């Protein structure tokens, strides 16, 4: 794995040991950031199920103002901290060593995220509905008014078009993976 663009371009990243974490491929990350490019500079970025931190670190490399990483797996946290240390990053980020559900409950409403990326383990399908449902409902106060929420998932696993106030606005497929993009709508149904 490597950082694709920005101030840390071409620097390599460590992946966690074992098969519990599936890092976002360089190619899919490049597709994601091509879409996010106009919005990334100065953005507050939330990387849920962060794993090695590759997506959040890419956001920092490309000019995000801050990144909050949420990860609970010890091996992934070790790789995430090693990657940040290897790059000499000491500011502009925060690590929540907790489950996504617990982290979303603990974050205070003044935190407003412009961009949210979530990539739960593919075998944890219920995490998609729980997390997107929370962001479209009870945790919606964490989103900036024009926030974009992006979920990486298996292409063959279709996510809902709406989770509370979040409505899918775009679906990109690449290989076996897909990216579903969600925006908050004022008329969204509460869950």
C-alpha atoms as a PDB file:
ATOM      1  CA  UNK A   1       0.000   0.000   0.000  1.00  0.00           C
ATOM      2  CA  UNK A   2       1.128   3.508  -0.724  1.00  0.00           C
ATOM      3  CA  UNK A   3      -0.138   7.064  -0.491  1.00  0.00           C
ATOM      4  CA  UNK A   4      -1.303   8.094  -3.933  1.00  0.00           C
ATOM      5  CA  UNK A   5      -1.080  11.897  -3.950  1.00  0.00           C
ATOM      6  CA  UNK A   6      -0.400  15.000  -1.904  1.00  0.00           C
ATOM      7  CA  UNK A   7       2.346  15.881   0.533  1.00  0.00           C
ATOM      8  CA  UNK A   8       3.081  12.234   1.437  1.00  0.00           C
ATOM      9  CA  UNK A   9       2.802  10.903  -2.122  1.00  0.00           C
ATOM     10  CA  UNK A  10       4.423   7.518  -2.835  1.00  0.00           C
ATOM     11  CA  UNK A  11       5.196   6.821   0.832  1.00  0.00           C
ATOM     12  CA  UNK A  12       4.440   3.239   1.774  1.00  0.00           C
ATOM     13  CA  UNK A  13       2.007   2.167   4.471  1.00  0.00           C
ATOM     14  CA  UNK A  14       1.928  -0.895   6.690  1.00  0.00           C
ATOM     15  CA  UNK A  15      -1.131  -3.174   6.662  1.00  0.00           C
ATOM     16  CA  UNK A  16      -2.297  -4.975   9.808  1.00  0.00           C
ATOM     17  CA  UNK A  17      -1.305  -8.618  10.175  1.00  0.00           C
ATOM     18  CA  UNK A  18      -3.989 -11.245   9.609  1.00  0.00           C
ATOM     19  CA  UNK A  19      -7.115 -11.420   7.527  1.00  0.00           C
ATOM     20  CA  UNK A  20      -9.481  -9.446   9.796  1.00  0.00           C
ATOM     21  CA  UNK A  21      -8.686  -6.148   8.056  1.00  0.00           C
ATOM     22  CA  UNK A  22      -9.062  -5.638   4.311  1.00  0.00           C
ATOM     23  CA  UNK A  23      -7.292  -2.444   3.264  1.00  0.00           C
ATOM     24  CA  UNK A  24      -8.900  -0.320   0.558  1.00  0.00           C
ATOM     25  CA  UNK A  25      -6.936  -0.974  -2.631  1.00  0.00           C
ATOM     26  CA  UNK A  26      -4.752   1.795  -4.065  1.00  0.00           C
ATOM     27  CA  UNK A  27      -6.904   1.818  -7.203  1.00  0.00           C
ATOM     28  CA  UNK A  28     -10.211   2.184  -5.324  1.00  0.00           C
ATOM     29  CA  UNK A  29      -8.677   4.840  -3.029  1.00  0.00           C
ATOM     30  CA  UNK A  30      -7.575   6.772  -6.118  1.00  0.00           C
ATOM     31  CA  UNK A  31     -11.131   6.584  -7.523  1.00  0.00           C
ATOM     32  CA  UNK A  32     -12.552   7.751  -4.180  1.00  0.00           C
ATOM     33  CA  UNK A  33     -10.222  10.740  -3.946  1.00  0.00           C
ATOM     34  CA  UNK A  34     -10.785  11.709  -7.572  1.00  0.00           C
ATOM     35  CA  UNK A  35     -14.438  12.193  -6.603  1.00  0.00           C
ATOM     36  CA  UNK A  36     -13.607  13.917  -3.285  1.00  0.00           C
ATOM     37  CA  UNK A  37     -10.890  16.188  -4.761  1.00  0.00           C
ATOM     38  CA  UNK A  38     -12.982  19.395  -4.894  1.00  0.00           C
ATOM     39  CA  UNK A  39     -14.055  18.923  -1.258  1.00  0.00           C
ATOM     40  CA  UNK A  40     -10.940  17.633   0.505  1.00  0.00           C
ATOM     41  CA  UNK A  41      -8.900  20.829   1.062  1.00  0.00           C
ATOM     42  CA  UNK A  42      -9.570  22.046   4.614  1.00  0.00           C
ATOM     43  CA  UNK A  43     -12.173  19.328   5.298  1.00  0.00           C
ATOM     44  CA  UNK A  44     -12.894  17.644   8.617  1.00  0.00           C
ATOM     45  CA  UNK A  45     -12.669  13.936   7.729  1.00  0.00           C
ATOM     46  CA  UNK A  46     -14.010  10.987   9.749  1.00  0.00           C
ATOM     47  CA  UNK A  47     -12.488   7.571   8.939  1.00  0.00           C
ATOM     48  CA  UNK A  48     -14.691   4.851  10.470  1.00  0.00           C
ATOM     49  CA  UNK A  49     -13.375   1.261  10.686  1.00  0.00           C
ATOM     50  CA  UNK A  50     -10.036   2.889   9.863  1.00  0.00           C
ATOM     51  CA  UNK A  51      -7.852  -0.227   9.779  1.00  0.00           C
ATOM     52  CA  UNK A  52      -4.339   0.852   8.742  1.00  0.00           C
ATOM     53  CA  UNK A  53      -5.552   4.437   8.343  1.00  0.00           C
ATOM     54  CA  UNK A  54      -4.770   4.488   4.605  1.00  0.00           C
ATOM     55  CA  UNK A  55      -7.910   6.438   3.661  1.00  0.00           C
ATOM     56  CA  UNK A  56      -7.618   9.019   6.449  1.00  0.00           C
ATOM     57  CA  UNK A  57      -3.876   9.433   5.868  1.00  0.00           C
ATOM     58  CA  UNK A  58      -4.577   9.953   2.159  1.00  0.00           C
ATOM     59  CA  UNK A  59      -7.052  12.676   3.178  1.00  0.00           C
ATOM     60  CA  UNK A  60      -4.379  14.379   5.322  1.00  0.00           C
ATOM     61  CA  UNK A  61      -1.855  14.079   2.498  1.00  0.00           C
ATOM     62  CA  UNK A  62      -4.306  15.821   0.155  1.00  0.00           C
ATOM     63  CA  UNK A  63      -5.029  18.749   2.470  1.00  0.00           C
ATOM     64  CA  UNK A  64      -7.779  17.738   4.903  1.00  0.00           C
ATOM     65  CA  UNK A  65      -7.663  20.016   7.965  1.00  0.00           C
ATOM     66  CA  UNK A  66      -8.197  17.120  10.368  1.00  0.00           C
ATOM     67  CA  UNK A  67      -8.944  13.408  10.457  1.00  0.00           C
ATOM     68  CA  UNK A  68     -10.527  11.379  13.212  1.00  0.00           C
ATOM     69  CA  UNK A  69      -9.797   7.655  12.992  1.00  0.00           C
ATOM     70  CA  UNK A  70     -12.104   5.107  14.636  1.00  0.00           C
ATOM     71  CA  UNK A  71     -10.771   1.569  15.025  1.00  0.00           C
ATOM     72  CA  UNK A  72     -10.964  -1.051  17.766  1.00  0.00           C
ATOM     73  CA  UNK A  73      -8.889  -4.016  16.506  1.00  0.00           C
ATOM     74  CA  UNK A  74      -5.506  -4.076  18.293  1.00  0.00           C
ATOM     75  CA  UNK A  75      -3.526  -5.166  15.200  1.00  0.00           C
ATOM     76  CA  UNK A  76      -5.113  -2.443  13.087  1.00  0.00           C
ATOM     77  CA  UNK A  77      -4.491   0.205  15.777  1.00  0.00           C
ATOM     78  CA  UNK A  78      -0.846  -0.851  15.913  1.00  0.00           C
ATOM     79  CA  UNK A  79      -0.505  -0.494  12.116  1.00  0.00           C
ATOM     80  CA  UNK A  80      -2.379   2.843  12.148  1.00  0.00           C
ATOM     81  CA  UNK A  81      -0.112   4.303  14.827  1.00  0.00           C
ATOM     82  CA  UNK A  82       2.986   2.943  13.043  1.00  0.00           C
ATOM     83  CA  UNK A  83       1.885   4.537   9.758  1.00  0.00           C
ATOM     84  CA  UNK A  84       1.301   7.924  11.391  1.00  0.00           C
ATOM     85  CA  UNK A  85       4.655   7.670  13.175  1.00  0.00           C
ATOM     86  CA  UNK A  86       6.517   6.626  10.011  1.00  0.00           C
ATOM     87  CA  UNK A  87       5.199   9.756   8.279  1.00  0.00           C
ATOM     88  CA  UNK A  88       6.118  11.977  11.234  1.00  0.00           C
ATOM     89  CA  UNK A  89       2.503  13.029  11.760  1.00  0.00           C
ATOM     90  CA  UNK A  90       1.953  14.373  15.266  1.00  0.00           C
ATOM     91  CA  UNK A  91      -0.995  16.743  14.771  1.00  0.00           C
ATOM     92  CA  UNK A  92      -4.154  17.097  12.702  1.00  0.00           C
ATOM     93  CA  UNK A  93      -5.611  13.769  13.741  1.00  0.00           C
ATOM     94  CA  UNK A  94      -7.243  11.965  16.623  1.00  0.00           C
ATOM     95  CA  UNK A  95      -7.567   8.220  17.188  1.00  0.00           C
ATOM     96  CA  UNK A  96     -10.650   6.732  18.850  1.00  0.00           C
ATOM     97  CA  UNK A  97      -9.713   3.217  20.025  1.00  0.00           C
ATOM     98  CA  UNK A  98     -13.313   2.051  20.270  1.00  0.00           C
ATOM     99  CA  UNK A  99     -16.153   0.530  18.320  1.00  0.00           C
ATOM    100  CA  UNK A 100     -17.795   2.824  15.797  1.00  0.00           C
ATOM    101  CA  UNK A 101     -21.051   2.745  17.755  1.00  0.00           C
ATOM    102  CA  UNK A 102     -19.301   3.784  20.996  1.00  0.00           C
ATOM    103  CA  UNK A 103     -17.239   6.480  19.247  1.00  0.00           C
ATOM    104  CA  UNK A 104     -20.283   8.022  17.565  1.00  0.00           C
ATOM    105  CA  UNK A 105     -22.084   8.139  20.920  1.00  0.00           C
ATOM    106  CA  UNK A 106     -19.077   9.804  22.623  1.00  0.00           C
ATOM    107  CA  UNK A 107     -18.338  12.427  19.969  1.00  0.00           C
ATOM    108  CA  UNK A 108     -19.831  15.766  20.847  1.00  0.00           C
ATOM    109  CA  UNK A 109     -22.151  17.641  18.514  1.00  0.00           C
ATOM    110  CA  UNK A 110     -19.746  20.579  17.956  1.00  0.00           C
ATOM    111  CA  UNK A 111     -17.700  18.102  15.873  1.00  0.00           C
ATOM    112  CA  UNK A 112     -18.942  18.622  12.324  1.00  0.00           C
ATOM    113  CA  UNK A 113     -17.533  16.359   9.654  1.00  0.00           C
ATOM    114  CA  UNK A 114     -17.491  17.374   6.005  1.00  0.00           C
ATOM    115  CA  UNK A 115     -16.525  13.901   4.793  1.00  0.00           C
ATOM    116  CA  UNK A 116     -17.145  10.512   6.376  1.00  0.00           C
ATOM    117  CA  UNK A 117     -15.730   7.240   5.052  1.00  0.00           C
ATOM    118  CA  UNK A 118     -16.781   3.859   6.365  1.00  0.00           C
ATOM    119  CA  UNK A 119     -15.411   0.484   5.438  1.00  0.00           C
ATOM    120  CA  UNK A 120     -16.590  -2.173   7.890  1.00  0.00           C
ATOM    121  CA  UNK A 121     -15.419  -5.749   7.446  1.00  0.00           C
ATOM    122  CA  UNK A 122     -17.365  -7.157   4.494  1.00  0.00           C
ATOM    123  CA  UNK A 123     -18.596 -10.026   6.674  1.00  0.00           C
ATOM    124  CA  UNK A 124     -20.125  -7.566   9.158  1.00  0.00           C
ATOM    125  CA  UNK A 125     -23.044  -6.568   6.936  1.00  0.00           C
ATOM    126  CA  UNK A 126     -25.119  -5.367   9.903  1.00  0.00           C
ATOM    127  CA  UNK A 127     -22.487  -2.669  10.573  1.00  0.00           C
ATOM    128  CA  UNK A 128     -23.442  -0.861   7.351  1.00  0.00           C
ATOM    129  CA  UNK A 129     -27.091  -0.482   8.349  1.00  0.00           C
ATOM    130  CA  UNK A 130     -26.243   0.398  11.964  1.00  0.00           C
ATOM    131  CA  UNK A 131     -23.629   3.017  11.095  1.00  0.00           C
ATOM    132  CA  UNK A 132     -25.416   4.583   8.125  1.00  0.00           C
ATOM    133  CA  UNK A 133     -28.651   4.523  10.133  1.00  0.00           C
ATOM    134  CA  UNK A 134     -26.969   6.347  13.030  1.00  0.00           C
ATOM    135  CA  UNK A 135     -25.409   8.951  10.701  1.00  0.00           C
ATOM    136  CA  UNK A 136     -28.792   9.469   9.059  1.00  0.00           C
ATOM    137  CA  UNK A 137     -30.512   9.712  12.428  1.00  0.00           C
ATOM    138  CA  UNK A 138     -29.251   9.964  16.016  1.00  0.00           C
ATOM    139  CA  UNK A 139     -25.638  10.847  15.083  1.00  0.00           C
ATOM    140  CA  UNK A 140     -26.649  13.181  12.247  1.00  0.00           C
ATOM    141  CA  UNK A 141     -25.618  16.213  14.324  1.00  0.00           C
ATOM    142  CA  UNK A 142     -21.988  15.177  13.683  1.00  0.00           C
ATOM    143  CA  UNK A 143     -22.381  15.961   9.967  1.00  0.00           C
ATOM    144  CA  UNK A 144     -21.764  19.378   8.437  1.00  0.00           C
ATOM    145  CA  UNK A 145     -24.760  20.695   6.434  1.00  0.00           C
ATOM    146  CA  UNK A 146     -23.299  19.607   3.082  1.00  0.00           C
ATOM    147  CA  UNK A 147     -21.489  16.497   4.368  1.00  0.00           C
ATOM    148  CA  UNK A 148     -20.801  13.521   2.150  1.00  0.00           C
ATOM    149  CA  UNK A 149     -20.803   9.992   3.603  1.00  0.00           C
ATOM    150  CA  UNK A 150     -19.092   7.252   1.574  1.00  0.00           C
ATOM    151  CA  UNK A 151     -19.401   3.527   2.241  1.00  0.00           C
ATOM    152  CA  UNK A 152     -17.108   0.946   0.657  1.00  0.00           C
ATOM    153  CA  UNK A 153     -18.798  -2.432   0.221  1.00  0.00           C
ATOM    154  CA  UNK A 154     -18.909  -5.547  -1.934  1.00  0.00           C
ATOM    155  CA  UNK A 155     -20.344  -4.839  -5.351  1.00  0.00           C
ATOM    156  CA  UNK A 156     -22.768  -7.735  -5.012  1.00  0.00           C
ATOM    157  CA  UNK A 157     -24.006  -6.446  -1.639  1.00  0.00           C
ATOM    158  CA  UNK A 158     -26.466  -3.651  -2.289  1.00  0.00           C
ATOM    159  CA  UNK A 159     -26.895  -1.025   0.378  1.00  0.00           C
ATOM    160  CA  UNK A 160     -30.192   0.786   0.862  1.00  0.00           C
ATOM    161  CA  UNK A 161     -30.799   3.986  -1.073  1.00  0.00           C
ATOM    162  CA  UNK A 162     -31.855   5.776   2.125  1.00  0.00           C
ATOM    163  CA  UNK A 163     -30.891   5.605   5.800  1.00  0.00           C
ATOM    164  CA  UNK A 164     -32.931   8.174   7.698  1.00  0.00           C
ATOM    165  CA  UNK A 165     -31.861  11.568   6.343  1.00  0.00           C
ATOM    166  CA  UNK A 166     -29.046  10.065   4.273  1.00  0.00           C
ATOM    167  CA  UNK A 167     -29.860   9.430   0.637  1.00  0.00           C
ATOM    168  CA  UNK A 168     -27.566   7.717  -1.852  1.00  0.00           C
ATOM    169  CA  UNK A 169     -26.559  10.128  -4.606  1.00  0.00           C
ATOM    170  CA  UNK A 170     -23.989   8.026  -6.445  1.00  0.00           C
ATOM    171  CA  UNK A 171     -22.784   4.440  -6.792  1.00  0.00           C
ATOM    172  CA  UNK A 172     -19.365   3.627  -8.258  1.00  0.00           C
ATOM    173  CA  UNK A 173     -18.317   0.052  -8.922  1.00  0.00           C
ATOM    174  CA  UNK A 174     -14.759  -1.135  -9.458  1.00  0.00           C
ATOM    175  CA  UNK A 175     -13.801  -4.802  -9.597  1.00  0.00           C
ATOM    176  CA  UNK A 176     -15.519  -6.612  -6.716  1.00  0.00           C
ATOM    177  CA  UNK A 177     -15.890  -3.418  -4.671  1.00  0.00           C
ATOM    178  CA  UNK A 178     -18.302  -0.500  -4.749  1.00  0.00           C
ATOM    179  CA  UNK A 179     -18.531   2.975  -3.243  1.00  0.00           C
ATOM    180  CA  UNK A 180     -21.943   4.312  -2.218  1.00  0.00           C
ATOM    181  CA  UNK A 181     -22.090   8.108  -1.714  1.00  0.00           C
ATOM    182  CA  UNK A 182     -24.743   9.571   0.618  1.00  0.00           C
ATOM    183  CA  UNK A 183     -25.843  13.136   1.338  1.00  0.00           C
ATOM    184  CA  UNK A 184     -28.245  14.379   3.989  1.00  0.00           C
ATOM    185  CA  UNK A 185     -31.639  15.527   2.800  1.00  0.00           C
ATOM    186  CA  UNK A 186     -33.813  17.943   4.739  1.00  0.00           C
ATOM    187  CA  UNK A 187     -36.903  15.859   3.971  1.00  0.00           C
ATOM    188  CA  UNK A 188     -35.391  12.510   5.050  1.00  0.00           C
ATOM    189  CA  UNK A 189     -37.495  10.246   7.212  1.00  0.00           C
ATOM    190  CA  UNK A 190     -36.272   9.804  10.798  1.00  0.00           C
ATOM    191  CA  UNK A 191     -35.299   6.285  11.851  1.00  0.00           C
END
